[in-house]
């Protein structure tokens, strides 16, 4: 790719440093009073300190770059983050609060801390025996209650595309680590369930969610970041098997991925990014989802799943991401937490603010881009 490596490395370092010190928004009170949840304001989502999905995604990005760069400072930051959160006391268990466990399960390969290992095993068992299920045994997208660390929002009989990244990656990681066929098979079941009910065969894109209560895909919206969780996460999922995934299952997963990215390539904006409502050019271009899509496409090229015709698309995307990194390393134009919407306007009206996952998904995209220079 024709990317300036010096500029890329400089901005990557800035993005990482900003992630480590990320706090809440300056206009927090205003956001709470003038929209709240309706515009994506969930106080727990901001900064790097809370134990939830935005921070969990941030930690995953940091882990990847820590390993690539063999950076002891980042490893120490991660280690202290988990120690401090466990001492503070963890929030309720749900789909989203599972996300930090993915990084912990890998980080503990360095520390072999029994406290970390016991937490990961206990949580994996909890997913198997206690997490509410939808019809046909899908992982119900239970989330944290806004403003209550120990509360949950059940989202009864609902499956959301986010679950594959937030929970299934961790369960499969644990299954592979302990060669636990029950955990591995449950992960396969969840991946195929989410493809069955969220994948749109006409477009190749994913809907945000499915409800068995209404037997529909809610507003039928093709949301950028929702799609990006599949684009990015599914190759990490397949890679964890190290060649042992059933060939028939693997073919279904990879063919779904290839159909999705073909449509994403078609929908890419002239600036290299993707709109928050993918087919709607009137919706804003959103950087976190675009970064995850970019990382997923670059990984597909590197693995030989995608051919080199995708390189211009990836290069254009990387350049678009670099233009959205402020001088202090803040990743701009990142949408806030996004609940299920019944129409495109819901997604178009979500607030835009610096978020941990915006930083980390950009880290993943730029780190993957370095491998192509």
Protein backbone atom coordinates (compact mmCIF):
# COMPACT_ATOMS: atom_id res chain seq x y z
CA UNK A 1 0.00 0.00 0.00
CA UNK A 2 1.10 3.53 -0.73
CA UNK A 3 0.99 4.80 2.88
CA UNK A 4 3.59 6.93 4.63
CA UNK A 5 4.96 4.55 7.25
CA UNK A 6 6.45 7.31 9.42
CA UNK A 7 3.12 9.14 9.63
CA UNK A 8 1.27 5.90 10.33
CA UNK A 9 3.60 4.91 13.18
CA UNK A 10 3.48 8.40 14.68
CA UNK A 11 -0.30 8.50 14.70
CA UNK A 12 -0.56 4.94 15.96
CA UNK A 13 1.58 5.85 18.98
CA UNK A 14 -0.54 8.94 19.65
CA UNK A 15 -3.75 6.89 19.50
CA UNK A 16 -2.33 4.35 21.97
CA UNK A 17 -1.21 7.01 24.44
CA UNK A 18 -4.62 8.67 24.26
CA UNK A 19 -6.32 5.34 24.97
CA UNK A 20 -4.29 4.89 28.16
CA UNK A 21 -5.46 8.24 29.54
CA UNK A 22 -8.94 8.46 28.07
CA UNK A 23 -11.54 10.06 30.33
CA UNK A 24 -15.18 11.05 30.06
CA UNK A 25 -16.63 13.83 27.89
CA UNK A 26 -16.38 17.43 29.08
CA UNK A 27 -20.08 18.00 28.36
CA UNK A 28 -21.24 14.96 30.33
CA UNK A 29 -24.00 16.83 32.20
CA UNK A 30 -25.35 18.33 28.98
CA UNK A 31 -25.42 14.93 27.25
CA UNK A 32 -27.27 13.36 30.17
CA UNK A 33 -29.87 16.11 30.25
CA UNK A 34 -30.37 16.56 26.51
CA UNK A 35 -30.87 13.07 25.18
CA UNK A 36 -29.31 10.49 27.48
CA UNK A 37 -29.73 6.92 26.26
CA UNK A 38 -31.69 8.02 23.19
CA UNK A 39 -28.53 9.59 21.75
CA UNK A 40 -26.16 6.93 23.07
CA UNK A 41 -25.06 8.48 26.36
CA UNK A 42 -24.22 5.72 28.82
CA UNK A 43 -21.84 7.01 31.49
CA UNK A 44 -20.21 3.60 31.92
CA UNK A 45 -19.08 3.63 28.28
CA UNK A 46 -16.66 6.51 28.63
CA UNK A 47 -13.00 6.43 29.60
CA UNK A 48 -10.78 3.39 30.12
CA UNK A 49 -11.39 2.55 33.78
CA UNK A 50 -14.83 0.88 33.85
CA UNK A 51 -15.28 -2.88 33.28
CA UNK A 52 -17.59 -3.09 30.25
CA UNK A 53 -17.50 -3.63 26.50
CA UNK A 54 -15.98 -0.28 25.37
CA UNK A 55 -13.04 -0.76 27.68
CA UNK A 56 -12.85 -4.47 26.85
CA UNK A 57 -12.47 -3.69 23.16
CA UNK A 58 -9.87 -1.08 24.08
CA UNK A 59 -7.86 -3.61 26.06
CA UNK A 60 -7.99 -6.06 23.15
CA UNK A 61 -6.50 -3.48 20.81
CA UNK A 62 -3.78 -2.71 23.32
CA UNK A 63 -3.01 -6.41 23.79
CA UNK A 64 -2.53 -6.88 20.05
CA UNK A 65 -0.08 -4.00 19.76
CA UNK A 66 1.65 -5.03 23.00
CA UNK A 67 2.38 -8.43 21.49
CA UNK A 68 3.47 -7.04 18.14
CA UNK A 69 5.80 -4.48 19.71
CA UNK A 70 6.78 -6.62 22.74
CA UNK A 71 5.98 -3.57 24.85
CA UNK A 72 6.40 -4.13 28.60
CA UNK A 73 4.74 -0.80 29.48
CA UNK A 74 1.50 -1.83 27.83
CA UNK A 75 1.66 -5.27 29.45
CA UNK A 76 2.05 -3.65 32.88
CA UNK A 77 -0.86 -1.29 32.17
CA UNK A 78 -3.10 -4.24 31.28
CA UNK A 79 -2.02 -6.23 34.32
CA UNK A 80 -2.70 -3.33 36.69
CA UNK A 81 -6.05 -2.62 35.03
CA UNK A 82 -7.32 -6.10 35.87
CA UNK A 83 -5.90 -6.10 39.40
CA UNK A 84 -7.51 -2.73 40.16
CA UNK A 85 -10.89 -3.71 38.74
CA UNK A 86 -10.98 -7.01 40.60
CA UNK A 87 -10.08 -5.24 43.84
CA UNK A 88 -12.82 -2.67 43.21
CA UNK A 89 -15.40 -5.38 42.50
CA UNK A 90 -16.77 -6.43 39.15
CA UNK A 91 -20.15 -5.42 37.71
CA UNK A 92 -22.99 -7.79 36.81
CA UNK A 93 -22.23 -10.59 34.38
CA UNK A 94 -23.74 -10.16 30.94
CA UNK A 95 -22.84 -10.20 27.25
CA UNK A 96 -21.02 -6.88 27.32
CA UNK A 97 -19.15 -7.28 30.60
CA UNK A 98 -17.72 -10.53 29.21
CA UNK A 99 -15.63 -8.55 26.71
CA UNK A 100 -12.64 -7.79 29.01
CA UNK A 101 -12.27 -11.54 29.65
CA UNK A 102 -11.02 -12.13 26.09
CA UNK A 103 -7.94 -10.03 26.74
CA UNK A 104 -7.49 -11.40 30.26
CA UNK A 105 -7.50 -15.01 29.01
CA UNK A 106 -4.62 -14.17 26.67
CA UNK A 107 -2.76 -11.81 29.04
CA UNK A 108 -2.63 -14.49 31.72
CA UNK A 109 -0.43 -16.59 29.44
CA UNK A 110 2.32 -14.25 30.72
CA UNK A 111 1.33 -14.16 34.41
CA UNK A 112 -0.27 -17.55 35.18
CA UNK A 113 -2.18 -15.89 38.01
CA UNK A 114 -4.67 -18.35 39.59
CA UNK A 115 -7.08 -15.48 40.34
CA UNK A 116 -7.23 -14.56 36.65
CA UNK A 117 -7.53 -18.19 35.55
CA UNK A 118 -10.29 -18.97 38.03
CA UNK A 119 -12.25 -15.90 36.96
CA UNK A 120 -12.02 -16.86 33.28
CA UNK A 121 -13.08 -20.47 33.89
CA UNK A 122 -15.90 -19.50 36.20
CA UNK A 123 -17.19 -16.93 33.71
CA UNK A 124 -17.07 -19.43 30.83
CA UNK A 125 -19.10 -21.86 32.95
CA UNK A 126 -21.54 -19.04 33.73
CA UNK A 127 -22.05 -18.41 30.02
CA UNK A 128 -22.90 -22.06 29.52
CA UNK A 129 -25.22 -22.51 32.49
CA UNK A 130 -26.62 -19.13 33.57
CA UNK A 131 -26.75 -16.69 30.64
CA UNK A 132 -30.39 -16.37 29.44
CA UNK A 133 -31.11 -17.97 26.07
CA UNK A 134 -33.47 -17.12 23.24
CA UNK A 135 -35.51 -19.66 21.35
CA UNK A 136 -33.20 -22.19 19.67
CA UNK A 137 -30.61 -21.52 22.37
CA UNK A 138 -29.16 -18.24 21.14
CA UNK A 139 -27.18 -16.10 23.58
CA UNK A 140 -29.69 -13.47 24.68
CA UNK A 141 -28.11 -10.02 24.41
CA UNK A 142 -28.23 -9.20 28.12
CA UNK A 143 -26.48 -5.88 28.86
CA UNK A 144 -25.63 -3.69 31.84
CA UNK A 145 -28.36 -1.48 33.25
CA UNK A 146 -27.61 2.21 32.74
CA UNK A 147 -26.45 3.74 36.03
CA UNK A 148 -26.44 0.47 37.98
CA UNK A 149 -23.25 -1.62 37.90
CA UNK A 150 -25.01 -4.67 39.31
CA UNK A 151 -28.19 -4.36 37.25
CA UNK A 152 -28.93 -5.89 33.86
CA UNK A 153 -31.16 -5.20 30.89
CA UNK A 154 -32.49 -8.51 29.64
CA UNK A 155 -33.50 -7.71 26.01
CA UNK A 156 -35.72 -10.76 26.16
CA UNK A 157 -35.46 -13.21 23.24
CA UNK A 158 -33.13 -10.86 21.34
CA UNK A 159 -29.88 -11.63 19.55
CA UNK A 160 -27.55 -8.78 18.54
CA UNK A 161 -24.58 -9.00 16.16
CA UNK A 162 -22.31 -7.47 18.85
CA UNK A 163 -22.49 -10.74 20.82
CA UNK A 164 -20.13 -12.55 18.46
CA UNK A 165 -17.28 -10.21 19.33
CA UNK A 166 -18.20 -9.45 22.93
CA UNK A 167 -18.80 -13.01 24.15
CA UNK A 168 -18.32 -15.79 21.58
CA UNK A 169 -14.65 -14.97 20.95
CA UNK A 170 -13.92 -15.40 24.67
CA UNK A 171 -15.86 -18.67 24.96
CA UNK A 172 -14.06 -20.11 21.95
CA UNK A 173 -10.70 -18.94 23.28
CA UNK A 174 -11.37 -20.78 26.53
CA UNK A 175 -12.61 -23.84 24.67
CA UNK A 176 -9.44 -23.99 22.60
CA UNK A 177 -7.23 -23.39 25.63
CA UNK A 178 -8.72 -26.26 27.63
CA UNK A 179 -9.80 -28.38 24.66
CA UNK A 180 -13.33 -28.23 26.07
CA UNK A 181 -15.53 -29.53 23.25
CA UNK A 182 -18.71 -28.33 24.96
CA UNK A 183 -17.47 -24.72 24.97
CA UNK A 184 -16.13 -24.99 21.42
CA UNK A 185 -19.36 -26.47 20.06
CA UNK A 186 -21.46 -23.86 21.82
CA UNK A 187 -19.38 -21.17 20.14
CA UNK A 188 -19.98 -22.76 16.75
CA UNK A 189 -23.70 -22.95 17.50
CA UNK A 190 -23.79 -19.24 18.38
CA UNK A 191 -21.90 -18.17 15.24
CA UNK A 192 -24.24 -20.15 13.00
CA UNK A 193 -27.31 -18.91 14.90
CA UNK A 194 -26.28 -15.29 14.44
CA UNK A 195 -25.59 -15.81 10.75
CA UNK A 196 -28.95 -17.57 10.34
CA UNK A 197 -31.00 -14.76 11.89
CA UNK A 198 -28.95 -11.60 11.26
CA UNK A 199 -27.41 -12.11 7.81
CA UNK A 200 -29.28 -10.65 4.83
CA UNK A 201 -28.77 -12.83 1.75
CA UNK A 202 -29.84 -10.10 -0.69
CA UNK A 203 -27.16 -7.61 0.33
CA UNK A 204 -24.55 -9.69 2.15
CA UNK A 205 -24.82 -7.34 5.16
CA UNK A 206 -25.88 -7.96 8.75
CA UNK A 207 -28.85 -6.52 10.58
CA UNK A 208 -28.21 -5.16 14.07
CA UNK A 209 -30.48 -7.65 15.78
CA UNK A 210 -33.27 -10.23 15.72
CA UNK A 211 -36.20 -10.69 18.10
CA UNK A 212 -37.98 -13.99 18.50
CA UNK A 213 -40.83 -12.14 20.19
CA UNK A 214 -41.72 -10.37 16.94
CA UNK A 215 -39.82 -12.64 14.53
CA UNK A 216 -38.20 -9.68 12.81
CA UNK A 217 -34.97 -7.70 12.51
CA UNK A 218 -36.35 -4.66 14.34
CA UNK A 219 -35.86 -1.67 12.01
CA UNK A 220 -34.00 -3.75 9.44
CA UNK A 221 -31.06 -1.33 9.56
CA UNK A 222 -27.58 -2.17 8.26
CA UNK A 223 -25.50 -0.44 10.94
CA UNK A 224 -21.82 0.15 10.27
CA UNK A 225 -20.27 -0.81 13.60
CA UNK A 226 -22.61 -3.76 13.97
CA UNK A 227 -21.41 -5.13 10.65
CA UNK A 228 -17.82 -4.40 11.61
CA UNK A 229 -17.95 -6.70 14.65
CA UNK A 230 -18.42 -9.58 12.21
CA UNK A 231 -15.86 -8.34 9.65
CA UNK A 232 -13.19 -8.00 12.31
CA UNK A 233 -14.05 -10.70 14.80
CA UNK A 234 -14.93 -13.65 12.61
CA UNK A 235 -11.40 -14.08 11.25
CA UNK A 236 -10.00 -14.01 14.80
CA UNK A 237 -12.59 -16.66 15.65
CA UNK A 238 -11.58 -18.94 12.76
CA UNK A 239 -7.88 -18.35 13.45
CA UNK A 240 -8.25 -19.64 17.02
CA UNK A 241 -8.96 -23.14 15.66
CA UNK A 242 -5.51 -23.37 14.04
CA UNK A 243 -6.93 -25.45 11.20
CA UNK A 244 -9.15 -27.74 13.29
CA UNK A 245 -12.53 -26.11 12.50
CA UNK A 246 -14.92 -28.44 10.66
CA UNK A 247 -14.41 -27.69 6.91
CA UNK A 248 -18.14 -27.38 6.21
CA UNK A 249 -18.66 -24.91 9.04
CA UNK A 250 -15.56 -22.99 8.02
CA UNK A 251 -16.81 -22.72 4.41
CA UNK A 252 -20.13 -21.24 5.54
CA UNK A 253 -18.37 -18.70 7.77
CA UNK A 254 -15.74 -17.66 5.22
CA UNK A 255 -18.24 -17.44 2.35
CA UNK A 256 -20.43 -15.21 4.53
CA UNK A 257 -17.43 -13.01 5.33
CA UNK A 258 -16.48 -12.73 1.64
CA UNK A 259 -20.03 -11.80 0.61
CA UNK A 260 -20.16 -9.16 3.33
CA UNK A 261 -16.87 -7.49 2.44
CA UNK A 262 -17.77 -7.49 -1.27
CA UNK A 263 -20.81 -5.37 -0.42
CA UNK A 264 -18.82 -3.21 2.00
CA UNK A 265 -16.30 -2.49 -0.75
CA UNK A 266 -19.17 -1.32 -2.94
CA UNK A 267 -20.54 0.97 -0.19
CA UNK A 268 -17.23 2.64 0.74
CA UNK A 269 -17.45 6.45 0.63
CA UNK A 270 -15.16 8.61 -1.49
CA UNK A 271 -13.33 9.54 1.74
CA UNK A 272 -12.49 5.89 2.39
CA UNK A 273 -14.84 5.43 5.34
CA UNK A 274 -18.28 3.89 5.76
CA UNK A 275 -21.52 5.62 6.73
CA UNK A 276 -23.06 4.77 10.11
CA UNK A 277 -26.11 3.50 8.19
CA UNK A 278 -24.19 1.68 5.51
CA UNK A 279 -26.44 2.20 2.44
CA UNK A 280 -27.40 5.77 3.47
CA UNK A 281 -24.92 8.38 2.14
CA UNK A 282 -26.80 11.05 4.12
CA UNK A 283 -25.73 9.45 7.41
CA UNK A 284 -22.37 10.50 8.87
CA UNK A 285 -19.15 8.62 8.19
CA UNK A 286 -18.27 6.69 11.36
CA UNK A 287 -14.64 5.94 12.20
CA UNK A 288 -14.80 3.10 14.75
CA UNK A 289 -16.84 0.83 12.51
CA UNK A 290 -14.75 1.87 9.50
CA UNK A 291 -11.55 1.01 11.38
CA UNK A 292 -12.85 -2.45 12.35
CA UNK A 293 -13.96 -3.09 8.76
CA UNK A 294 -10.53 -1.97 7.53
CA UNK A 295 -8.71 -4.26 9.97
CA UNK A 296 -10.96 -7.16 8.93
CA UNK A 297 -10.37 -6.57 5.22
CA UNK A 298 -6.59 -6.22 5.67
CA UNK A 299 -6.52 -9.43 7.68
CA UNK A 300 -8.53 -11.19 4.96
CA UNK A 301 -5.96 -10.09 2.36
CA UNK A 302 -3.06 -11.21 4.55
CA UNK A 303 -4.63 -14.63 5.10
CA UNK A 304 -5.24 -15.06 1.35
CA UNK A 305 -9.02 -15.16 1.81
CA UNK A 306 -9.40 -11.93 -0.19
CA UNK A 307 -7.45 -11.21 -3.37
CA UNK A 308 -5.37 -8.10 -4.01
CA UNK A 309 -8.28 -6.31 -5.68
CA UNK A 310 -9.23 -5.29 -2.12
CA UNK A 311 -5.93 -3.48 -1.50
CA UNK A 312 -7.04 -0.13 -3.03
CA UNK A 313 -10.15 -0.26 -0.83
CA UNK A 314 -8.03 -0.92 2.26
CA UNK A 315 -5.50 1.77 1.37
CA UNK A 316 -8.24 4.34 0.86
CA UNK A 317 -9.74 3.36 4.21
CA UNK A 318 -6.45 3.66 6.09
CA UNK A 319 -5.90 7.14 4.65
CA UNK A 320 -9.43 8.10 5.70
CA UNK A 321 -8.78 6.88 9.24
CA UNK A 322 -5.48 8.79 9.50
CA UNK A 323 -7.31 12.01 8.60
CA UNK A 324 -9.62 11.43 11.55
CA UNK A 325 -6.89 11.31 14.21
CA UNK A 326 -6.47 14.60 16.05
CA UNK A 327 -3.05 16.02 16.96
CA UNK A 328 -3.37 14.66 20.52
CA UNK A 329 -4.24 11.15 19.30
CA UNK A 330 -8.01 11.41 19.75
CA UNK A 331 -9.90 9.38 17.15
CA UNK A 332 -12.64 11.63 15.82
CA UNK A 333 -16.16 10.91 14.52
CA UNK A 334 -16.82 7.88 16.71
CA UNK A 335 -20.45 7.13 17.54
CA UNK A 336 -21.51 6.44 21.11
CA UNK A 337 -23.14 3.33 22.52
CA UNK A 338 -25.96 2.30 20.22
CA UNK A 339 -29.01 0.40 21.42
CA UNK A 340 -31.40 -1.35 19.09
CA UNK A 341 -33.16 1.02 16.68
CA UNK A 342 -36.47 0.78 14.85
CA UNK A 343 -35.43 3.10 12.02
CA UNK A 344 -32.36 4.67 10.41
CA UNK A 345 -32.90 7.97 12.25
CA UNK A 346 -32.08 6.27 15.54
CA UNK A 347 -28.58 5.44 14.31
CA UNK A 348 -28.05 8.79 12.61
CA UNK A 349 -28.83 10.66 15.84
CA UNK A 350 -26.37 8.85 18.11
CA UNK A 351 -23.83 11.21 19.70
CA UNK A 352 -20.26 11.45 18.44
CA UNK A 353 -17.53 11.44 21.12
CA UNK A 354 -14.07 9.99 21.89
CA UNK A 355 -14.54 6.38 22.98
CA UNK A 356 -12.16 3.63 24.08
CA UNK A 357 -13.30 1.35 21.26
CA UNK A 358 -12.69 4.13 18.72
CA UNK A 359 -9.08 4.28 19.88
CA UNK A 360 -8.63 0.51 19.97
CA UNK A 361 -10.29 -0.32 16.65
CA UNK A 362 -8.09 2.32 15.05
CA UNK A 363 -5.08 0.66 16.71
CA UNK A 364 -6.10 -2.67 15.18
CA UNK A 365 -6.54 -1.12 11.72
CA UNK A 366 -3.21 0.73 11.75
CA UNK A 367 -1.32 -2.20 13.24
CA UNK A 368 -2.71 -4.45 10.49
CA UNK A 369 -1.80 -1.83 7.88
CA UNK A 370 1.84 -1.90 9.03
CA UNK A 371 1.98 -5.57 8.04
CA UNK A 372 1.17 -4.58 4.46
CA UNK A 373 3.88 -1.90 4.07
